[in-house]
Protein backbone atom coordinates (compact mmCIF):
# COMPACT_ATOMS: atom_id res chain seq x y z
CA MET A 1 96.45 114.65 126.66
CA ARG A 2 96.08 111.08 125.43
CA ILE A 3 95.91 110.56 121.67
CA LEU A 4 94.77 107.43 119.84
CA VAL A 5 96.64 106.85 116.58
CA THR A 6 95.18 104.17 114.34
CA GLY A 7 97.61 102.54 111.94
CA GLY A 8 100.40 103.93 114.08
CA ALA A 9 102.84 101.14 113.20
CA GLY A 10 102.70 101.98 109.50
CA PHE A 11 104.88 104.34 107.49
CA ILE A 12 103.12 107.67 108.06
CA GLY A 13 101.46 106.85 111.37
CA SER A 14 104.73 105.77 112.97
CA GLN A 15 106.43 109.00 111.89
CA TYR A 16 103.65 110.92 113.62
CA VAL A 17 103.91 108.77 116.76
CA ARG A 18 107.69 109.05 116.96
CA THR A 19 107.51 112.84 116.65
CA LEU A 20 104.86 113.04 119.37
CA LEU A 21 106.94 110.92 121.72
CA GLU A 22 110.02 113.03 120.94
CA ASP A 23 107.97 116.11 121.99
CA GLY A 24 108.32 117.45 118.47
CA TYR A 25 104.94 119.20 118.35
CA PRO A 26 104.77 122.35 120.54
CA GLY A 27 102.04 122.21 123.13
CA TYR A 28 101.90 118.41 123.06
CA GLU A 29 105.00 117.74 125.10
CA GLY A 30 104.36 114.82 127.41
CA ALA A 31 101.38 113.54 125.39
CA GLU A 32 100.50 109.90 125.96
CA VAL A 33 99.94 107.86 122.80
CA THR A 34 97.90 104.73 122.18
CA VAL A 35 98.63 102.98 118.89
CA LEU A 36 95.98 100.68 117.44
CA ASP A 37 97.33 98.55 114.59
CA LEU A 38 96.42 95.13 113.25
CA LEU A 39 100.01 94.57 112.05
CA THR A 40 99.11 93.40 108.58
CA TYR A 41 102.01 93.30 106.11
CA ALA A 42 102.56 97.11 106.19
CA GLY A 43 102.45 97.49 109.99
CA ASN A 44 105.73 96.94 111.79
CA THR A 45 106.52 97.40 115.47
CA ALA A 46 110.14 98.02 114.44
CA ASN A 47 108.87 101.45 113.36
CA LEU A 48 108.00 102.33 116.96
CA PRO A 49 109.89 102.85 120.25
CA MET A 50 107.94 100.03 121.85
CA ASP A 51 109.53 100.48 125.29
CA HIS A 52 108.69 104.19 125.51
CA PRO A 53 106.89 104.92 128.81
CA ARG A 54 104.24 107.10 127.13
CA LEU A 55 103.38 104.56 124.41
CA THR A 56 100.65 101.94 124.72
CA PHE A 57 100.41 99.50 121.84
CA VAL A 58 97.18 97.60 121.09
CA ARG A 59 97.08 95.04 118.34
CA GLY A 60 93.62 95.04 116.85
CA ASP A 61 91.31 95.80 113.95
CA VAL A 62 89.99 99.35 113.47
CA GLY A 63 86.71 97.74 112.41
CA ASP A 64 86.27 95.91 115.74
CA ALA A 65 83.45 97.90 117.35
CA ALA A 66 83.68 96.17 120.74
CA LEU A 67 87.42 96.80 120.93
CA LEU A 68 86.95 100.46 120.00
CA ASP A 69 84.19 100.97 122.55
CA GLY A 70 86.54 99.80 125.28
CA LEU A 71 89.55 101.70 123.94
CA LEU A 72 88.29 105.19 123.04
CA PRO A 73 87.19 106.50 126.46
CA GLY A 74 89.88 108.66 127.99
CA HIS A 75 91.38 109.80 124.70
CA GLY A 76 91.06 113.48 123.88
CA ALA A 77 91.86 113.07 120.20
CA VAL A 78 92.08 110.47 117.44
CA VAL A 79 94.33 110.58 114.38
CA HIS A 80 93.13 107.96 111.90
CA PHE A 81 95.90 106.71 109.61
CA ALA A 82 94.80 103.06 109.45
CA ALA A 83 94.12 102.05 105.85
CA GLU A 84 94.90 99.59 103.12
CA SER A 85 96.80 101.81 100.72
CA HIS A 86 98.44 100.08 97.75
CA VAL A 87 96.69 100.48 94.38
CA ASP A 88 98.11 97.29 92.86
CA ARG A 89 96.88 95.24 95.82
CA SER A 90 93.42 96.82 95.54
CA ILE A 91 93.23 95.81 91.88
CA ALA A 92 94.10 92.23 92.79
CA GLY A 93 91.58 92.12 95.67
CA ALA A 94 89.33 95.00 96.69
CA GLY A 95 87.53 93.37 99.62
CA ALA A 96 90.10 94.20 102.29
CA PHE A 97 90.13 97.81 101.12
CA ALA A 98 86.36 98.16 101.45
CA ARG A 99 86.37 96.53 104.88
CA THR A 100 89.25 98.45 106.43
CA ASN A 101 88.93 101.81 104.75
CA MET A 102 85.16 102.22 104.66
CA LEU A 103 83.72 99.98 107.37
CA GLY A 104 86.69 100.54 109.66
CA THR A 105 86.28 104.29 109.40
CA GLN A 106 82.57 104.04 110.16
CA ALA A 107 83.26 101.91 113.25
CA LEU A 108 85.88 104.40 114.47
CA MET A 109 83.63 107.43 113.96
CA GLU A 110 80.82 105.70 115.83
CA ALA A 111 83.08 104.80 118.73
CA ALA A 112 84.51 108.33 118.90
CA LEU A 113 80.98 109.72 118.99
CA LYS A 114 79.95 107.39 121.82
CA ALA A 115 83.11 108.16 123.80
CA GLY A 116 82.76 111.92 123.41
CA THR A 117 86.23 112.17 121.85
CA GLY A 118 87.10 115.83 121.52
CA ARG A 119 88.80 115.85 118.13
CA VAL A 120 89.28 113.45 115.18
CA VAL A 121 91.45 113.78 112.07
CA HIS A 122 90.80 111.36 109.23
CA VAL A 123 93.86 111.04 106.97
CA SER A 124 93.08 110.49 103.29
CA THR A 125 94.65 110.93 99.85
CA ASP A 126 94.51 113.15 96.78
CA GLU A 127 93.75 110.02 94.76
CA VAL A 128 90.07 110.38 95.67
CA TYR A 129 89.86 113.20 93.12
CA GLY A 130 90.85 110.95 90.20
CA SER A 131 93.19 112.16 87.46
CA ILE A 132 93.66 115.74 86.25
CA ASP A 133 95.38 116.72 82.99
CA GLU A 134 96.15 120.30 83.98
CA GLY A 135 95.58 122.64 86.92
CA SER A 136 95.05 121.51 90.50
CA TRP A 137 92.16 120.26 92.60
CA ASP A 138 90.87 122.33 95.48
CA GLU A 139 88.72 120.91 98.26
CA ALA A 140 85.47 121.76 96.47
CA GLU A 141 86.28 119.33 93.65
CA PRO A 142 83.92 116.33 93.68
CA VAL A 143 85.55 112.98 94.27
CA ASP A 144 86.02 110.86 91.14
CA PRO A 145 88.21 107.85 92.07
CA ASN A 146 89.56 105.43 89.49
CA SER A 147 90.90 102.48 91.53
CA PRO A 148 89.33 100.30 94.22
CA TYR A 149 91.83 101.82 96.68
CA SER A 150 90.90 105.42 95.93
CA ALA A 151 87.19 104.54 95.81
CA SER A 152 87.43 103.03 99.30
CA LYS A 153 89.20 106.15 100.58
CA ALA A 154 86.61 108.43 98.98
CA GLY A 155 83.90 106.42 100.75
CA SER A 156 85.73 106.73 104.06
CA ASP A 157 86.04 110.51 103.64
CA ILE A 158 82.33 110.85 102.99
CA MET A 159 81.53 108.67 105.99
CA ALA A 160 83.73 110.71 108.32
CA LEU A 161 82.21 113.99 107.12
CA ALA A 162 78.71 112.54 107.49
CA TYR A 163 79.39 111.96 111.19
CA HIS A 164 80.11 115.69 111.50
CA ARG A 165 77.04 116.77 109.55
CA THR A 166 74.66 114.29 111.18
CA HIS A 167 76.02 114.03 114.73
CA GLY A 168 78.27 117.06 115.16
CA LEU A 169 81.45 114.96 115.54
CA ASP A 170 84.49 117.24 115.58
CA VAL A 171 86.25 115.65 112.60
CA SER A 172 88.40 117.05 109.79
CA VAL A 173 89.75 115.28 106.71
CA THR A 174 93.21 115.68 105.17
CA ARG A 175 94.03 114.70 101.59
CA CYS A 176 97.74 114.48 100.94
CA THR A 177 99.90 114.00 97.89
CA ASN A 178 102.35 111.10 97.49
CA ASN A 179 104.55 110.59 100.56
CA TYR A 180 108.14 109.42 100.71
CA GLY A 181 110.74 109.01 103.45
CA PRO A 182 112.21 106.39 105.81
CA ASN A 183 110.29 103.32 107.00
CA GLN A 184 108.07 103.13 103.92
CA HIS A 185 107.19 99.58 102.89
CA PRO A 186 109.23 98.55 99.83
CA GLU A 187 106.15 97.86 97.72
CA LYS A 188 105.84 101.61 97.06
CA LEU A 189 107.57 103.26 94.10
CA ILE A 190 110.45 105.12 95.75
CA PRO A 191 111.51 102.48 98.31
CA ARG A 192 110.94 99.69 95.80
CA PHE A 193 113.24 101.34 93.28
CA ILE A 194 115.84 102.18 95.95
CA THR A 195 115.94 98.65 97.36
CA ASN A 196 115.99 97.06 93.91
CA LEU A 197 118.96 99.23 92.96
CA LEU A 198 120.75 98.55 96.23
CA GLU A 199 120.45 94.83 95.46
CA GLY A 200 121.60 95.22 91.84
CA GLN A 201 118.16 94.51 90.38
CA LYS A 202 116.25 96.31 87.65
CA VAL A 203 113.49 98.79 88.46
CA PRO A 204 110.06 98.24 86.82
CA LEU A 205 108.81 101.48 85.25
CA TYR A 206 105.15 101.50 84.23
CA GLY A 207 104.30 102.54 80.68
CA ASP A 208 106.12 105.57 79.32
CA GLY A 209 107.02 106.86 82.79
CA GLY A 210 105.06 110.05 82.16
CA ASN A 211 102.66 109.73 85.10
CA VAL A 212 103.00 112.83 87.27
CA ARG A 213 102.83 112.89 91.06
CA GLU A 214 103.30 115.63 93.62
CA TRP A 215 105.72 114.50 96.35
CA LEU A 216 105.68 115.29 100.05
CA HIS A 217 108.17 114.22 102.71
CA VAL A 218 106.51 112.22 105.50
CA GLU A 219 107.77 114.67 108.15
CA ASP A 220 106.02 117.55 106.38
CA HIS A 221 102.83 115.53 106.01
CA CYS A 222 102.76 114.72 109.72
CA ARG A 223 103.30 118.37 110.64
CA ALA A 224 100.33 119.25 108.46
CA VAL A 225 98.16 116.57 110.08
CA HIS A 226 99.05 117.88 113.51
CA GLN A 227 98.23 121.44 112.49
CA VAL A 228 94.82 120.25 111.34
CA LEU A 229 94.38 118.38 114.63
CA THR A 230 95.14 121.45 116.70
CA ARG A 231 93.66 124.26 114.61
CA GLY A 232 91.59 122.80 111.80
CA ARG A 233 87.87 123.41 111.48
CA ALA A 234 85.35 120.64 112.06
CA GLY A 235 83.73 119.30 108.90
CA ARG A 236 86.51 120.76 106.77
CA VAL A 237 88.71 119.05 104.17
CA TYR A 238 92.34 120.17 103.89
CA ASN A 239 94.53 119.34 100.91
CA VAL A 240 98.19 118.84 101.85
CA GLY A 241 100.63 119.44 99.00
CA GLY A 242 104.36 119.16 98.61
CA GLY A 243 104.79 121.55 95.71
CA GLU A 244 107.17 119.11 93.96
CA ASP A 245 105.74 117.66 90.73
CA ARG A 246 107.79 114.94 89.06
CA THR A 247 107.11 112.32 86.40
CA ASN A 248 107.86 108.75 87.37
CA LEU A 249 110.65 108.82 84.79
CA GLU A 250 112.21 111.85 86.49
CA ILE A 251 112.02 110.08 89.86
CA THR A 252 113.66 107.05 88.30
CA GLU A 253 116.51 109.12 86.87
CA LEU A 254 117.16 110.80 90.23
CA LEU A 255 117.23 107.45 92.01
CA LEU A 256 119.58 105.95 89.42
CA GLU A 257 121.99 108.81 90.05
CA LEU A 258 121.73 108.59 93.85
CA CYS A 259 122.24 104.81 93.79
CA GLY A 260 125.10 104.88 91.29
CA ALA A 261 123.21 103.07 88.52
CA ASP A 262 122.47 103.87 84.88
CA ALA A 263 119.59 103.55 82.43
CA SER A 264 120.34 99.87 81.83
CA ALA A 265 118.77 99.22 85.27
CA VAL A 266 115.33 100.33 84.02
CA GLU A 267 112.84 97.70 82.84
CA ARG A 268 109.77 99.00 81.03
CA VAL A 269 106.63 97.10 82.07
CA GLU A 270 103.02 97.13 80.94
CA ASP A 271 101.07 100.01 82.45
CA ARG A 272 98.84 99.47 85.47
CA ALA A 273 95.09 99.14 84.86
CA GLY A 274 93.28 102.43 85.53
CA HIS A 275 96.59 104.24 86.11
CA ASP A 276 95.87 107.91 86.91
CA ARG A 277 97.97 110.14 84.67
CA ARG A 278 98.46 113.14 86.91
CA TYR A 279 97.61 114.33 90.43
CA SER A 280 97.96 117.90 91.67
CA VAL A 281 96.33 119.61 94.64
CA ASP A 282 95.71 123.24 95.47
CA ASP A 283 96.61 123.50 99.15
CA THR A 284 95.87 127.22 99.54
CA ARG A 285 93.37 126.50 102.33
CA ILE A 286 95.81 124.85 104.76
CA ARG A 287 98.52 127.39 103.95
CA GLU A 288 96.30 130.42 104.52
CA GLU A 289 94.15 129.12 107.40
CA LEU A 290 96.78 127.19 109.35
CA GLY A 291 100.13 128.57 108.15
CA TYR A 292 101.32 125.24 106.75
CA ALA A 293 104.24 125.03 104.34
CA PRO A 294 106.50 122.05 103.54
CA LEU A 295 110.03 122.39 104.89
CA VAL A 296 111.95 119.49 103.29
CA PRO A 297 113.22 120.23 99.74
CA PHE A 298 112.51 117.26 97.52
CA GLU A 299 116.00 116.43 96.27
CA ARG A 300 117.48 116.75 99.76
CA GLY A 301 114.70 114.60 101.22
CA LEU A 302 115.15 112.02 98.49
CA ALA A 303 118.91 111.80 99.14
CA ARG A 304 118.24 111.36 102.86
CA THR A 305 115.74 108.61 102.05
CA VAL A 306 118.21 106.71 99.87
CA ALA A 307 120.80 106.99 102.65
CA TRP A 308 118.32 105.62 105.20
CA TYR A 309 117.58 102.51 103.13
CA ALA A 310 121.30 102.02 102.47
CA ASP A 311 121.95 102.18 106.22
CA ASN A 312 119.02 99.96 107.27
CA PRO A 313 118.99 96.76 105.20
CA ALA A 314 117.96 94.74 108.27
CA TRP A 315 114.67 96.66 108.27
CA TRP A 316 113.71 96.22 104.61
CA LYS A 317 115.28 92.95 103.46
CA PRO A 318 112.79 90.75 105.39
CA LEU A 319 109.89 92.76 103.94
CA ARG A 320 111.11 92.23 100.39
CA ARG A 321 111.34 88.48 100.97
CA THR A 322 107.76 88.27 102.24
CA GLY A 323 105.75 90.82 100.28
CA VAL A 324 107.32 92.56 97.29
CA ARG A 325 107.19 91.50 93.69
CA THR A 326 110.39 92.32 91.78
């Protein structure tokens, strides 16, 4: 089996690729992997075992139709992680999000259809549902995005599903909660706060810190994606939850403790425009249909994540110098 992984040099995609190459998914031992990644600021070949004999790396744009037409033949499956994914960046400039997330997904679905690719998983986000004050979204909830980022992902989901309904493409969509873990770019909340604290800087907490997110370790997310790849139904959306709801203030307090800091390290900043108050997904479908359940307890996973950043400053310090506002 040869699998194409778009965005495979990014945080989540690289975790999936590394696990594949470590034969961590039963039945896929020996799988050959092609990674397609443009290596924008969030893509990093240091996330990948570049000299692995079963890895082929292609630097390129997921929206490049000619490149895709030459690349897709011979691949039995595609896992589509490639996306612009930071809300703050989408507020500052939405064009790249529309191009990569929407037009890139359309180009990939078209190329997969032409190549007769057997299976496609399109990886998305719970942010497409918008904000929910109480309860949880299931997959029947209509999309109602609030940021340019989530709007572009909602559009990409609809495009992928349209290729199933119109052309019969064997594609499923996953919508996950907030991920955390090693190798995450330090623009995101958890690694940004960890690296700020490790460097003795303050952490910027939006608003009152009461925004609620459901957290999922990247290893659990990738296991869920692979279960959808192998056993998910075509044309189906699968929510992927972590079962760990925390306010941003609670996350901050945990990180202060793990990094040996106190409340004086917190700097309150003006809230983000269009900041969703709460996300929560009902992931009954993937649990009952595919037997998925997260395995990494949040506080243990968070401690492991802090330890990884403490042990790997050579990985994150250059990224902070080139792309993180503190």
